[in-house]
N, C-alpha and C. Protein backbone atom coordinates (compact mmCIF):
# COMPACT_ATOMS: atom_id res chain seq x y z
N MET A 1 10.00 33.70 22.80
CA MET A 1 8.48 33.90 22.90
C MET A 1 8.06 32.93 21.92
N ARG A 2 6.92 32.20 22.19
CA ARG A 2 6.33 31.38 20.65
C ARG A 2 4.94 31.93 20.60
N ALA A 3 4.31 31.48 19.18
CA ALA A 3 3.25 32.09 18.71
C ALA A 3 1.88 32.53 19.62
N GLN A 4 1.50 31.50 20.61
CA GLN A 4 0.59 31.77 21.46
C GLN A 4 1.01 32.59 22.33
N ALA A 5 1.79 33.08 23.20
CA ALA A 5 2.28 34.06 23.78
C ALA A 5 2.07 35.04 23.28
N LEU A 6 2.48 35.65 22.02
CA LEU A 6 1.98 36.89 21.50
C LEU A 6 0.58 37.03 20.97
N GLN A 7 0.26 36.21 20.77
CA GLN A 7 -1.48 35.95 20.46
C GLN A 7 -2.10 36.52 21.55
N ASP A 8 -1.44 35.73 22.36
CA ASP A 8 -2.14 36.26 24.02
C ASP A 8 -1.79 37.86 24.02
N LYS A 9 -1.15 38.81 24.38
CA LYS A 9 -0.29 39.80 24.39
C LYS A 9 -0.68 40.57 23.16
N GLN A 10 -1.28 39.54 22.55
CA GLN A 10 -1.84 41.34 21.21
C GLN A 10 -3.59 41.21 21.42
N ARG A 11 -4.21 40.59 21.90
CA ARG A 11 -5.25 40.60 22.57
C ARG A 11 -5.60 41.54 23.95
N SER A 12 -4.63 41.33 24.96
CA SER A 12 -4.47 42.41 25.94
C SER A 12 -3.86 43.90 25.68
N LEU A 13 -3.99 43.86 24.11
CA LEU A 13 -3.13 45.50 23.61
C LEU A 13 -4.29 45.66 22.13
N ARG A 14 -5.22 44.74 22.54
CA ARG A 14 -5.97 45.00 21.26
C ARG A 14 -6.55 46.67 21.00
N GLY A 15 -7.21 47.29 22.26
CA GLY A 15 -7.84 48.10 22.56
C GLY A 15 -6.59 49.57 22.27
N THR A 16 -5.84 49.29 22.49
CA THR A 16 -4.78 50.07 22.60
C THR A 16 -3.72 50.55 21.34
N LEU A 17 -3.91 49.72 20.13
CA LEU A 17 -3.13 49.21 19.15
C LEU A 17 -3.85 49.96 18.02
N PRO A 18 -3.22 50.60 17.14
CA PRO A 18 -4.37 51.08 15.45
C PRO A 18 -4.51 49.68 14.78
N GLU A 19 -5.92 49.57 14.55
CA GLU A 19 -6.68 48.70 14.06
C GLU A 19 -5.55 48.24 13.07
N PRO A 20 -5.50 48.40 12.03
CA PRO A 20 -4.11 47.93 10.83
C PRO A 20 -2.81 47.42 11.84
N THR A 21 -2.50 47.90 12.86
CA THR A 21 -1.17 47.00 13.49
C THR A 21 -1.55 45.78 14.01
N ALA A 22 -3.02 46.15 14.73
CA ALA A 22 -3.48 45.27 15.30
C ALA A 22 -4.00 43.97 14.45
N ILE A 23 -4.26 44.29 13.47
CA ILE A 23 -4.72 42.85 12.44
C ILE A 23 -3.16 42.54 11.76
N ARG A 24 -2.37 43.45 11.72
CA ARG A 24 -0.95 42.55 10.74
C ARG A 24 -0.09 41.47 11.84
N LEU A 25 -0.56 42.15 12.86
CA LEU A 25 0.53 41.79 14.22
C LEU A 25 -0.66 40.25 14.58
N TRP A 26 -1.42 39.87 14.53
CA TRP A 26 -2.20 38.60 14.72
C TRP A 26 -2.03 38.19 13.14
N ARG A 27 -2.00 38.49 12.05
CA ARG A 27 -1.74 37.46 10.88
C ARG A 27 -0.47 37.14 11.24
N ALA A 28 0.65 38.12 11.16
CA ALA A 28 2.14 37.55 11.59
C ALA A 28 2.11 36.48 12.80
N ALA A 29 1.30 36.95 14.09
CA ALA A 29 1.64 35.53 15.00
C ALA A 29 1.09 34.22 14.00
N SER A 30 0.53 34.20 13.71
CA SER A 30 -0.79 33.13 13.07
C SER A 30 0.47 32.50 12.33
N TRP A 31 0.69 33.18 11.87
CA TRP A 31 2.07 32.07 10.56
C TRP A 31 2.81 31.33 11.45
N LEU A 32 3.53 32.45 12.48
CA LEU A 32 4.85 32.12 13.16
C LEU A 32 3.97 30.83 13.99
N ALA A 33 2.97 30.46 14.23
CA ALA A 33 2.47 29.44 14.85
C ALA A 33 2.72 27.83 13.82
N CYS A 34 2.50 28.53 12.71
CA CYS A 34 2.30 27.35 11.24
C CYS A 34 3.57 26.59 11.44
N ALA A 35 4.73 28.46 11.25
CA ALA A 35 5.81 27.82 11.39
C ALA A 35 6.17 26.83 12.46
N GLU A 36 6.05 27.01 13.60
CA GLU A 36 6.44 26.01 14.64
C GLU A 36 5.94 25.37 14.56
N ALA A 37 4.63 24.81 13.81
CA ALA A 37 4.04 23.83 13.86
C ALA A 37 4.77 22.47 12.49
N GLN A 38 5.54 23.04 11.72
CA GLN A 38 6.65 22.64 10.45
C GLN A 38 8.05 22.70 10.82
N GLU A 39 7.93 21.77 12.28
CA GLU A 39 9.39 21.49 12.77
C GLU A 39 10.12 20.51 12.03
N GLU A 40 9.41 19.33 11.86
CA GLU A 40 9.78 18.53 10.55
C GLU A 40 10.21 18.86 9.16
N ASN A 41 9.98 20.24 8.66
CA ASN A 41 9.69 20.14 7.51
C ASN A 41 9.89 21.72 6.87
N PRO A 42 11.36 21.56 6.82
CA PRO A 42 12.09 22.88 6.85
C PRO A 42 11.43 24.23 5.49
N ASP A 43 11.21 23.19 4.13
CA ASP A 43 10.35 24.66 3.51
C ASP A 43 10.19 25.04 3.65
N LEU A 44 8.38 24.09 4.15
CA LEU A 44 7.31 25.11 4.51
C LEU A 44 7.91 26.11 6.04
N GLN A 45 8.72 25.45 6.70
CA GLN A 45 8.76 26.06 7.31
C GLN A 45 9.20 27.36 7.57
N PHE A 46 10.58 27.38 6.66
CA PHE A 46 11.02 29.15 6.16
C PHE A 46 9.93 29.83 5.02
N ILE A 47 8.69 29.33 5.03
CA ILE A 47 8.29 29.98 3.70
C ILE A 47 6.61 30.33 4.83
N SER A 48 6.44 29.66 5.64
CA SER A 48 5.52 30.41 7.28
C SER A 48 5.90 31.17 7.56
N LEU A 49 7.25 31.18 8.03
CA LEU A 49 8.19 32.56 8.46
C LEU A 49 8.55 33.66 7.88
N TRP A 50 8.32 33.64 5.86
CA TRP A 50 9.20 34.56 5.59
C TRP A 50 6.95 35.70 5.32
N ILE A 51 6.16 34.45 5.40
CA ILE A 51 5.08 35.22 5.19
C ILE A 51 4.51 35.76 6.59
N ALA A 52 5.19 35.43 7.19
CA ALA A 52 4.33 36.15 9.02
C ALA A 52 5.23 37.56 8.91
N PHE A 53 6.74 37.46 8.17
CA PHE A 53 7.63 38.76 7.91
C PHE A 53 7.11 39.46 7.15
N ASN A 54 6.79 39.10 5.81
CA ASN A 54 5.89 40.10 5.32
C ASN A 54 4.13 40.37 5.44
N ALA A 55 3.71 39.87 6.40
CA ALA A 55 2.98 40.43 7.19
C ALA A 55 3.31 41.62 8.10
N CYS A 56 4.29 41.31 8.67
CA CYS A 56 5.32 42.73 9.73
C CYS A 56 5.52 44.07 8.38
N TYR A 57 6.14 43.99 7.45
CA TYR A 57 6.95 45.00 7.34
C TYR A 57 5.84 45.34 5.93
N SER A 58 5.15 44.59 5.08
CA SER A 58 4.43 45.13 3.60
C SER A 58 3.30 46.18 4.45
N VAL A 59 3.60 47.26 3.25
CA VAL A 59 2.53 48.33 3.36
C VAL A 59 1.87 48.47 1.95
N ASP A 60 0.18 48.97 2.21
CA ASP A 60 -0.54 49.08 1.20
C ASP A 60 -0.28 50.14 0.68
N GLU A 61 0.55 50.32 -0.65
CA GLU A 61 0.64 52.46 -0.74
C GLU A 61 1.85 52.05 -2.38
N GLU A 62 1.91 53.39 -2.55
CA GLU A 62 1.84 53.73 -4.39
C GLU A 62 3.87 53.71 -3.84
N ARG A 63 4.02 52.60 -4.38
CA ARG A 63 5.75 53.11 -4.04
C ARG A 63 6.41 53.91 -5.74
N PRO A 64 7.52 54.96 -4.74
CA PRO A 64 8.00 55.83 -5.62
C PRO A 64 8.95 54.62 -6.72
N GLN A 65 9.07 55.47 -8.09
CA GLN A 65 9.61 55.24 -8.82
C GLN A 65 11.11 54.48 -8.38
N GLY A 66 11.48 53.70 -8.42
CA GLY A 66 12.72 52.75 -8.35
C GLY A 66 12.82 52.25 -7.10
N LEU A 67 11.71 52.60 -6.42
CA LEU A 67 11.96 52.09 -4.96
C LEU A 67 11.91 50.26 -5.39
N GLY A 68 12.66 49.28 -4.32
CA GLY A 68 12.31 47.83 -4.97
C GLY A 68 11.85 47.89 -3.49
N GLU A 69 12.12 46.12 -2.93
CA GLU A 69 11.98 44.97 -2.16
C GLU A 69 12.55 45.52 -0.77
N ARG A 70 13.83 45.55 -1.42
CA ARG A 70 15.61 46.10 -0.17
C ARG A 70 14.78 47.60 0.51
N ASP A 71 15.01 48.23 -0.75
CA ASP A 71 14.32 49.44 0.70
C ASP A 71 13.30 49.59 0.81
N VAL A 72 12.47 48.86 0.21
CA VAL A 72 11.73 48.97 2.00
C VAL A 72 12.16 47.71 3.39
N PHE A 73 13.04 46.84 2.82
CA PHE A 73 13.38 46.53 4.22
C PHE A 73 13.99 47.18 5.04
N GLN A 74 14.81 48.30 4.00
CA GLN A 74 15.38 48.78 5.59
C GLN A 74 14.92 49.95 5.49
N GLY A 75 13.85 50.55 5.43
CA GLY A 75 12.93 51.54 5.94
C GLY A 75 12.26 50.71 7.20
N PHE A 76 11.92 49.57 7.30
CA PHE A 76 11.71 48.99 8.01
C PHE A 76 11.90 48.36 9.78
N THR A 77 13.60 48.35 8.61
CA THR A 77 14.49 48.00 10.10
C THR A 77 15.06 48.88 10.90
N HIS A 78 14.71 49.93 10.20
CA HIS A 78 15.16 51.33 10.57
C HIS A 78 14.47 51.66 11.68
N LYS A 79 12.86 51.52 11.09
CA LYS A 79 11.85 52.04 12.44
C LYS A 79 11.56 51.03 13.31
N LEU A 80 12.23 49.86 13.55
CA LEU A 80 12.25 48.50 13.64
C LEU A 80 13.35 48.50 15.64
N ALA A 81 14.67 49.41 15.17
CA ALA A 81 15.27 48.97 15.60
C ALA A 81 15.29 50.41 16.67
N LYS A 82 14.47 51.69 15.82
CA LYS A 82 14.87 52.27 16.77
C LYS A 82 13.25 52.34 17.79
N HIS A 83 12.93 50.94 18.37
CA HIS A 83 12.19 50.80 18.85
C HIS A 83 12.55 49.95 19.94
N ASP A 84 13.34 49.12 19.62
CA ASP A 84 14.34 48.56 20.26
C ASP A 84 15.16 47.97 21.26
N GLN A 85 14.53 49.12 22.45
CA GLN A 85 15.71 49.60 22.96
C GLN A 85 16.30 48.66 23.69
N THR A 86 15.91 47.91 23.84
CA THR A 86 16.94 46.74 24.94
C THR A 86 17.76 46.04 23.85
N LYS A 87 18.32 46.52 22.95
CA LYS A 87 18.84 45.34 21.40
C LYS A 87 18.55 44.33 21.87
N ARG A 88 17.35 43.86 21.51
CA ARG A 88 17.37 42.42 22.06
C ARG A 88 17.76 41.67 20.34
N ILE A 89 17.27 43.06 19.36
CA ILE A 89 17.70 42.29 18.10
C ILE A 89 18.99 41.93 17.41
N TYR A 90 19.67 42.74 18.26
CA TYR A 90 21.17 42.90 17.87
C TYR A 90 21.83 41.83 18.82
N ASN A 91 21.20 41.55 20.15
CA ASN A 91 21.67 40.35 20.93
C ASN A 91 21.25 38.90 19.63
N CYS A 92 20.11 38.99 19.46
CA CYS A 92 19.66 37.83 18.64
C CYS A 92 20.81 37.58 17.79
N LEU A 93 21.38 38.80 16.60
CA LEU A 93 22.16 38.75 15.54
C LEU A 93 23.37 37.86 16.51
N TRP A 94 24.09 38.51 17.38
CA TRP A 94 25.21 38.49 17.71
C TRP A 94 24.89 37.18 18.46
N GLN A 95 24.17 36.27 19.21
CA GLN A 95 24.31 35.25 19.33
C GLN A 95 24.52 34.15 18.47
N THR A 96 24.04 34.80 17.19
CA THR A 96 23.78 33.56 15.88
C THR A 96 24.58 33.27 15.07
N TYR A 97 25.51 34.92 15.49
CA TYR A 97 26.23 35.53 14.02
C TYR A 97 27.83 34.13 14.23
N SER A 98 27.97 33.49 15.09
CA SER A 98 28.82 32.61 14.60
C SER A 98 28.45 31.20 14.39
N GLY A 99 27.16 31.21 13.98
CA GLY A 99 26.48 29.89 13.37
C GLY A 99 25.61 30.63 12.53
N PRO A 100 24.66 29.78 12.01
CA PRO A 100 23.60 30.68 10.90
C PRO A 100 23.47 31.62 10.53
N VAL A 101 24.07 33.16 10.91
CA VAL A 101 23.88 34.44 10.59
C VAL A 101 25.37 34.23 9.78
N ARG A 102 26.62 34.18 10.26
CA ARG A 102 27.71 34.21 9.20
C ARG A 102 27.76 33.15 8.30
N THR A 103 27.38 31.50 8.68
CA THR A 103 27.62 30.98 7.06
C THR A 103 26.10 31.65 6.20
N LEU A 104 25.01 32.60 6.56
CA LEU A 104 24.02 32.01 5.43
C LEU A 104 24.96 33.61 4.37
N ILE A 105 25.72 34.75 5.37
CA ILE A 105 26.44 35.44 4.51
C ILE A 105 27.13 35.08 3.60
N ASN A 106 28.10 34.13 4.43
CA ASN A 106 29.07 33.25 3.84
C ASN A 106 28.50 33.20 2.04
N ASN A 107 27.16 32.55 2.44
CA ASN A 107 26.64 31.22 0.96
C ASN A 107 26.37 32.01 -0.06
N GLN A 108 27.32 31.66 -0.91
CA GLN A 108 26.99 32.55 -2.14
C GLN A 108 25.74 31.81 -3.23
N TYR A 109 25.21 31.00 -2.65
CA TYR A 109 23.96 30.93 -2.91
C TYR A 109 22.84 31.31 -2.61
N VAL A 110 23.21 32.43 -1.73
CA VAL A 110 21.76 33.13 -1.01
C VAL A 110 22.27 34.54 -1.52
N PHE A 111 23.50 34.92 -2.74
CA PHE A 111 24.14 36.11 -3.23
C PHE A 111 23.13 36.32 -4.37
N ALA A 112 22.79 37.47 -4.67
CA ALA A 112 21.70 37.79 -5.53
C ALA A 112 22.27 37.99 -7.29
N PRO A 113 23.66 38.57 -6.49
CA PRO A 113 24.61 38.77 -7.94
C PRO A 113 25.37 37.23 -8.67
N PHE A 114 25.70 36.51 -7.64
CA PHE A 114 26.27 35.10 -8.16
C PHE A 114 25.34 34.89 -9.24
N TRP A 115 23.23 34.28 -8.73
CA TRP A 115 23.00 34.19 -9.91
C TRP A 115 22.15 34.85 -11.42
N GLU A 116 22.67 35.89 -11.38
CA GLU A 116 23.18 37.53 -12.46
C GLU A 116 24.22 36.67 -12.95
N ALA A 117 25.62 36.57 -12.37
CA ALA A 117 26.80 35.81 -13.30
C ALA A 117 26.02 34.65 -13.82
N GLN A 118 25.23 33.77 -13.57
CA GLN A 118 24.62 32.24 -13.98
C GLN A 118 24.33 32.96 -15.71
N ARG A 119 22.88 33.58 -14.85
CA ARG A 119 22.09 33.86 -16.04
C ARG A 119 23.16 34.41 -17.45
N LEU A 120 24.29 35.20 -17.50
CA LEU A 120 25.31 35.47 -18.22
C LEU A 120 26.03 34.69 -18.83
N ILE A 121 26.48 33.84 -18.14
CA ILE A 121 27.14 32.57 -18.42
C ILE A 121 26.31 32.20 -19.43
N SER A 122 25.43 31.17 -18.67
CA SER A 122 24.18 30.51 -19.50
C SER A 122 23.78 31.23 -20.91
N ASN A 123 23.88 32.60 -21.23
CA ASN A 123 23.34 32.82 -22.38
C ASN A 123 24.90 32.91 -22.99
N ASN A 124 25.82 32.58 -23.22
CA ASN A 124 27.08 33.11 -23.88
C ASN A 124 26.82 34.76 -23.66
N GLN A 125 27.46 35.23 -22.30
CA GLN A 125 27.67 36.49 -22.45
C GLN A 125 28.74 36.86 -21.36
N PRO A 126 29.70 37.97 -21.48
CA PRO A 126 30.96 37.62 -20.52
C PRO A 126 29.93 38.18 -19.33
N ASP A 127 30.50 37.87 -18.27
CA ASP A 127 30.39 37.89 -16.70
C ASP A 127 30.65 39.59 -15.81
N THR A 128 29.74 40.67 -16.19
CA THR A 128 30.04 41.90 -15.94
C THR A 128 29.94 41.76 -14.53
N SER A 129 29.25 40.70 -13.83
CA SER A 129 28.48 40.76 -12.48
C SER A 129 29.47 41.29 -11.58
N ASN A 130 30.60 41.27 -11.64
CA ASN A 130 31.80 41.29 -10.41
C ASN A 130 31.20 40.25 -9.53
N TRP A 131 30.51 39.59 -9.53
CA TRP A 131 29.76 39.22 -8.13
C TRP A 131 30.65 38.29 -7.37
N LYS A 132 32.46 37.91 -7.31
CA LYS A 132 32.69 37.45 -6.59
C LYS A 132 33.75 39.22 -5.43
N ILE A 133 33.78 40.08 -6.16
CA ILE A 133 34.34 41.36 -5.14
C ILE A 133 32.82 42.14 -4.42
N ARG A 134 32.28 41.81 -5.05
CA ARG A 134 30.51 42.33 -4.23
C ARG A 134 30.39 41.36 -3.02
N PHE A 135 30.27 40.20 -3.65
CA PHE A 135 30.07 39.21 -2.97
C PHE A 135 30.90 39.38 -0.77
N GLU A 136 32.43 39.38 -1.27
CA GLU A 136 33.10 39.67 0.02
C GLU A 136 33.21 40.92 0.47
N LYS A 137 32.97 42.27 -0.39
CA LYS A 137 33.10 43.44 0.13
C LYS A 137 31.27 43.45 1.21
N SER A 138 30.29 42.76 0.23
CA SER A 138 28.92 42.59 1.60
C SER A 138 28.92 41.99 2.61
N SER A 139 29.87 40.49 2.38
CA SER A 139 30.33 39.79 3.73
C SER A 139 31.27 40.47 4.61
N LYS A 140 31.93 41.11 4.17
CA LYS A 140 32.72 42.13 4.92
C LYS A 140 32.20 43.53 5.58
N ALA A 141 31.08 43.89 4.98
CA ALA A 141 29.94 45.08 5.58
C ALA A 141 29.50 44.79 6.67
N ALA A 142 29.18 43.13 6.69
CA ALA A 142 27.98 42.68 7.70
C ALA A 142 29.03 42.27 8.85
N MET A 143 30.41 42.36 9.07
CA MET A 143 31.10 41.97 9.96
C MET A 143 31.59 43.57 10.43
N GLY A 144 31.61 44.52 10.38
CA GLY A 144 31.45 45.98 10.24
C GLY A 144 30.31 45.87 10.95
N PHE A 145 28.71 45.72 10.60
CA PHE A 145 27.87 46.31 10.71
C PHE A 145 28.06 46.01 12.79
N LEU A 146 28.48 44.33 12.57
CA LEU A 146 28.05 43.46 13.75
C LEU A 146 28.88 44.18 14.68
N ALA A 147 30.07 44.89 14.56
CA ALA A 147 30.68 45.12 15.49
C ALA A 147 30.83 46.78 15.53
N GLN A 148 29.95 47.07 14.78
CA GLN A 148 28.95 48.36 15.16
C GLN A 148 28.22 48.63 16.04
N GLN A 149 27.77 47.34 16.09
CA GLN A 149 26.25 47.20 16.12
C GLN A 149 25.09 48.32 15.89
N ASP A 150 25.31 47.85 14.66
CA ASP A 150 24.49 48.77 13.29
C ASP A 150 23.66 47.56 12.72
N VAL A 151 21.79 47.63 13.92
CA VAL A 151 21.21 46.85 13.52
C VAL A 151 20.29 47.01 11.91
N PRO A 152 19.59 48.09 11.60
CA PRO A 152 19.17 47.72 10.74
C PRO A 152 20.26 46.85 9.50
N GLY A 153 21.65 47.75 9.49
CA GLY A 153 22.38 47.12 8.86
C GLY A 153 23.44 46.02 8.53
N LEU A 154 23.21 45.77 9.61
CA LEU A 154 23.10 44.05 9.82
C LEU A 154 22.33 43.19 9.08
N LEU A 155 20.70 43.39 9.31
CA LEU A 155 19.56 43.23 9.09
C LEU A 155 19.27 43.11 7.27
N SER A 156 20.07 44.12 7.28
CA SER A 156 19.33 44.61 5.14
C SER A 156 20.52 43.47 4.71
N VAL A 157 21.83 43.12 5.44
CA VAL A 157 22.47 42.15 4.64
C VAL A 157 21.82 40.80 5.07
N VAL A 158 21.81 40.16 6.27
CA VAL A 158 20.81 39.47 6.19
C VAL A 158 19.54 38.79 5.34
N LEU A 159 18.95 39.76 5.16
CA LEU A 159 17.13 39.82 5.05
C LEU A 159 17.78 39.64 3.15
N ASP A 160 18.73 40.53 2.64
CA ASP A 160 18.70 40.39 1.47
C ASP A 160 19.50 38.86 0.99
N ARG A 161 20.66 38.72 1.86
CA ARG A 161 20.14 36.73 1.53
C ARG A 161 19.23 35.67 1.39
N LEU A 162 17.93 36.47 2.42
CA LEU A 162 17.02 35.11 2.88
C LEU A 162 15.96 35.92 1.71
N TYR A 163 15.93 36.96 1.35
CA TYR A 163 15.32 37.20 0.28
C TYR A 163 15.42 36.31 -0.98
N VAL A 164 16.44 36.36 -1.26
CA VAL A 164 17.16 35.00 -2.70
C VAL A 164 16.63 33.82 -2.23
N LEU A 165 16.47 33.52 -0.78
CA LEU A 165 16.12 32.22 -0.55
C LEU A 165 14.82 31.97 -0.93
N ARG A 166 14.07 32.77 -0.03
CA ARG A 166 12.76 33.44 -0.30
C ARG A 166 12.16 33.07 -1.82
N ASN A 167 12.78 33.85 -2.73
CA ASN A 167 12.74 34.10 -4.05
C ASN A 167 12.69 32.28 -4.57
N GLN A 168 14.03 31.69 -4.18
CA GLN A 168 13.99 29.85 -4.75
C GLN A 168 12.45 29.73 -4.35
N LEU A 169 12.52 29.38 -3.57
CA LEU A 169 11.51 28.68 -2.89
C LEU A 169 10.37 28.98 -3.69
N MET A 170 9.92 30.02 -3.43
CA MET A 170 8.45 30.97 -3.69
C MET A 170 7.91 30.99 -5.30
N HIS A 171 9.80 30.84 -6.10
CA HIS A 171 9.29 30.68 -7.37
C HIS A 171 9.45 29.17 -8.28
N GLY A 172 9.20 28.11 -7.40
CA GLY A 172 9.59 27.05 -8.07
C GLY A 172 11.31 27.22 -8.10
N GLY A 173 12.19 27.51 -7.86
CA GLY A 173 13.09 27.09 -7.57
C GLY A 173 14.09 26.57 -6.88
N ALA A 174 13.45 25.44 -6.29
CA ALA A 174 14.12 24.79 -5.30
C ALA A 174 12.68 23.42 -5.88
N THR A 175 13.47 22.04 -5.56
CA THR A 175 12.72 20.77 -5.80
C THR A 175 12.55 20.98 -3.59
N TRP A 176 10.91 20.55 -3.26
CA TRP A 176 11.14 20.04 -1.97
C TRP A 176 11.82 19.23 -1.60
N ASN A 177 12.48 19.45 0.04
CA ASN A 177 13.03 18.66 0.78
C ASN A 177 14.28 17.91 -0.23
N SER A 178 14.81 19.06 -0.46
CA SER A 178 16.02 18.33 -1.55
C SER A 178 17.09 18.61 -0.64
N GLN A 179 18.14 17.58 -1.24
CA GLN A 179 19.18 18.05 -0.06
C GLN A 179 20.03 19.60 -0.63
N VAL A 180 19.99 19.28 -1.92
CA VAL A 180 21.09 20.52 -2.91
C VAL A 180 21.45 21.78 -2.32
N ASN A 181 19.76 22.30 -1.71
CA ASN A 181 20.13 23.81 -0.91
C ASN A 181 19.84 23.25 0.42
N ARG A 182 19.62 22.38 1.72
CA ARG A 182 19.62 22.23 3.00
C ARG A 182 20.27 23.24 3.80
N PRO A 183 21.28 23.43 4.02
CA PRO A 183 22.45 24.58 4.47
C PRO A 183 21.75 25.35 4.74
N GLN A 184 21.43 25.86 3.35
CA GLN A 184 20.41 27.33 3.46
C GLN A 184 19.37 27.14 4.02
N VAL A 185 18.74 26.61 3.60
CA VAL A 185 17.21 26.52 4.00
C VAL A 185 17.49 26.33 5.59
N GLN A 186 18.00 25.67 6.21
CA GLN A 186 17.86 25.22 7.54
C GLN A 186 18.51 26.90 8.11
N ASP A 187 20.05 27.39 7.57
CA ASP A 187 20.16 28.46 8.55
C ASP A 187 19.05 29.15 8.66
N GLY A 188 18.28 29.58 7.23
CA GLY A 188 16.93 30.26 7.16
C GLY A 188 15.86 30.35 8.33
N CYS A 189 16.00 28.95 8.56
CA CYS A 189 14.93 28.70 9.10
C CYS A 189 15.21 29.14 10.54
N HIS A 190 16.38 28.99 11.18
CA HIS A 190 17.27 29.09 12.35
C HIS A 190 16.86 30.25 12.64
N ILE A 191 17.44 31.05 11.66
CA ILE A 191 17.68 32.43 11.95
C ILE A 191 16.42 33.50 12.66
N MET A 192 15.07 32.86 11.56
CA MET A 192 14.42 33.09 11.31
C MET A 192 12.91 33.00 12.37
N MET A 193 13.34 31.87 12.91
CA MET A 193 12.39 31.02 13.45
C MET A 193 12.72 32.30 15.33
N THR A 194 14.38 32.82 15.52
CA THR A 194 14.61 33.15 16.41
C THR A 194 14.12 34.73 16.38
N LEU A 195 14.59 35.45 15.26
CA LEU A 195 14.13 36.66 15.04
C LEU A 195 12.75 37.25 14.46
N MET A 196 11.86 36.26 14.55
CA MET A 196 10.14 36.77 14.34
C MET A 196 9.34 37.03 15.09
N PRO A 197 9.73 36.14 16.39
CA PRO A 197 9.36 36.73 17.95
C PRO A 197 9.46 38.10 18.08
N LEU A 198 10.51 38.05 17.89
CA LEU A 198 11.37 39.01 18.66
C LEU A 198 10.58 40.39 17.60
N VAL A 199 10.78 40.34 16.33
CA VAL A 199 10.18 41.29 15.64
C VAL A 199 8.96 42.06 15.72
N ILE A 200 7.87 41.12 16.03
CA ILE A 200 6.45 41.09 16.66
C ILE A 200 6.48 41.24 17.55
N ASP A 201 7.32 40.89 18.67
CA ASP A 201 7.32 41.34 20.06
C ASP A 201 7.70 43.08 20.46
N THR A 202 8.50 43.57 19.57
CA THR A 202 8.91 44.53 19.09
C THR A 202 7.36 45.64 18.72
N MET A 203 7.53 45.50 17.48
CA MET A 203 6.12 46.10 17.22
C MET A 203 5.06 46.25 18.08
N LEU A 204 4.34 44.78 18.67
CA LEU A 204 3.64 44.85 20.15
C LEU A 204 4.03 46.21 20.79
N ASP A 205 5.29 46.20 21.35
CA ASP A 205 5.20 47.13 22.29
C ASP A 205 5.98 48.36 22.02
N ALA A 206 5.75 48.57 20.32
CA ALA A 206 5.09 50.32 20.47
C ALA A 206 4.50 50.72 20.14
N GLY A 207 3.51 50.24 20.52
CA GLY A 207 2.09 50.81 20.85
C GLY A 207 1.63 51.75 19.34
N ALA A 208 1.82 53.00 19.67
CA ALA A 208 0.84 53.52 18.75
C ALA A 208 1.69 54.38 17.31
N GLU A 209 3.07 53.27 16.89
CA GLU A 209 3.71 53.80 15.51
C GLU A 209 3.22 52.88 14.94
N ASP A 210 3.21 53.88 13.28
CA ASP A 210 2.20 53.63 12.46
C ASP A 210 3.30 53.15 11.38
N TRP A 211 2.35 51.72 11.58
CA TRP A 211 3.41 50.78 10.18
C TRP A 211 2.66 50.92 8.59
N GLY A 212 2.18 51.69 8.69
CA GLY A 212 1.53 51.99 7.57
C GLY A 212 0.02 50.85 7.52
N GLU A 213 -0.38 50.70 6.11
CA GLU A 213 -1.90 50.84 5.81
C GLU A 213 -1.77 48.98 5.12
N ILE A 214 -2.30 48.19 5.90
CA ILE A 214 -2.64 46.71 5.68
C ILE A 214 -3.16 46.23 3.82
N PHE A 215 -2.16 45.20 3.03
CA PHE A 215 -3.19 45.12 2.01
C PHE A 215 -4.10 43.90 3.00
N TYR A 216 -5.03 43.87 2.01
CA TYR A 216 -6.87 43.12 2.41
C TYR A 216 -6.92 43.31 3.28
N PRO A 217 -7.63 44.35 4.19
CA PRO A 217 -7.93 45.04 5.09
C PRO A 217 -9.18 44.07 5.07
N VAL A 218 -9.62 43.28 6.78
CA VAL A 218 -10.69 42.31 6.96
C VAL A 218 -12.23 43.53 7.07
N MET A 219 -12.74 42.68 5.94
CA MET A 219 -14.29 43.45 5.15
C MET A 219 -15.14 43.35 6.10
N LYS A 220 -15.89 44.19 7.02
CA LYS A 220 -17.00 43.71 8.24
C LYS A 220 -18.34 44.30 7.15
N PRO A 221 -18.95 43.29 6.99
CA PRO A 221 -20.32 43.02 6.17
C PRO A 221 -21.50 43.84 6.91
């Protein structure tokens, strides 16, 4: 489903959706449309897709101390899976697992502890990260989640990898159109272009579900 179809569906449901949900999904679909227009520019396509995802899951509320972005991902994916009655998201991940999903999960360059180890080494400190063991454990866990049809578990691993890629791009940790990080950027785009329409559509079908307050609500004069 392309962005225009999702925007048309959002218009048709606007009167039945809570206003924050209607706004967040309109914003998400608009950034999906932007991503569709960036097929020749994977860096900008991935950034646009991540903004679309951010519009879907971000909630304007004070977080309990110690609650990080990955914890927010997990809460969102559990709620999302609850409403995905026909397992479209699982089927999406299953169909792409032999390609971009598996490749991304097995890519050490989008595994946060790998970079933690590099920082220690560059500061002449002993590498206490145990990143290789954690990497293997994480990859095996993803395969287990897939076999068990555990959508929140599998999504948590995939999003964890994509979040590292997001940080590399958004924090200036990569060169635009660089050949160094092409595989992970291309895999990230493929996964998110497949996943985001399903996320938005599932949230539209969820009707009155409370997805939380949005950042920067529309201010009417």
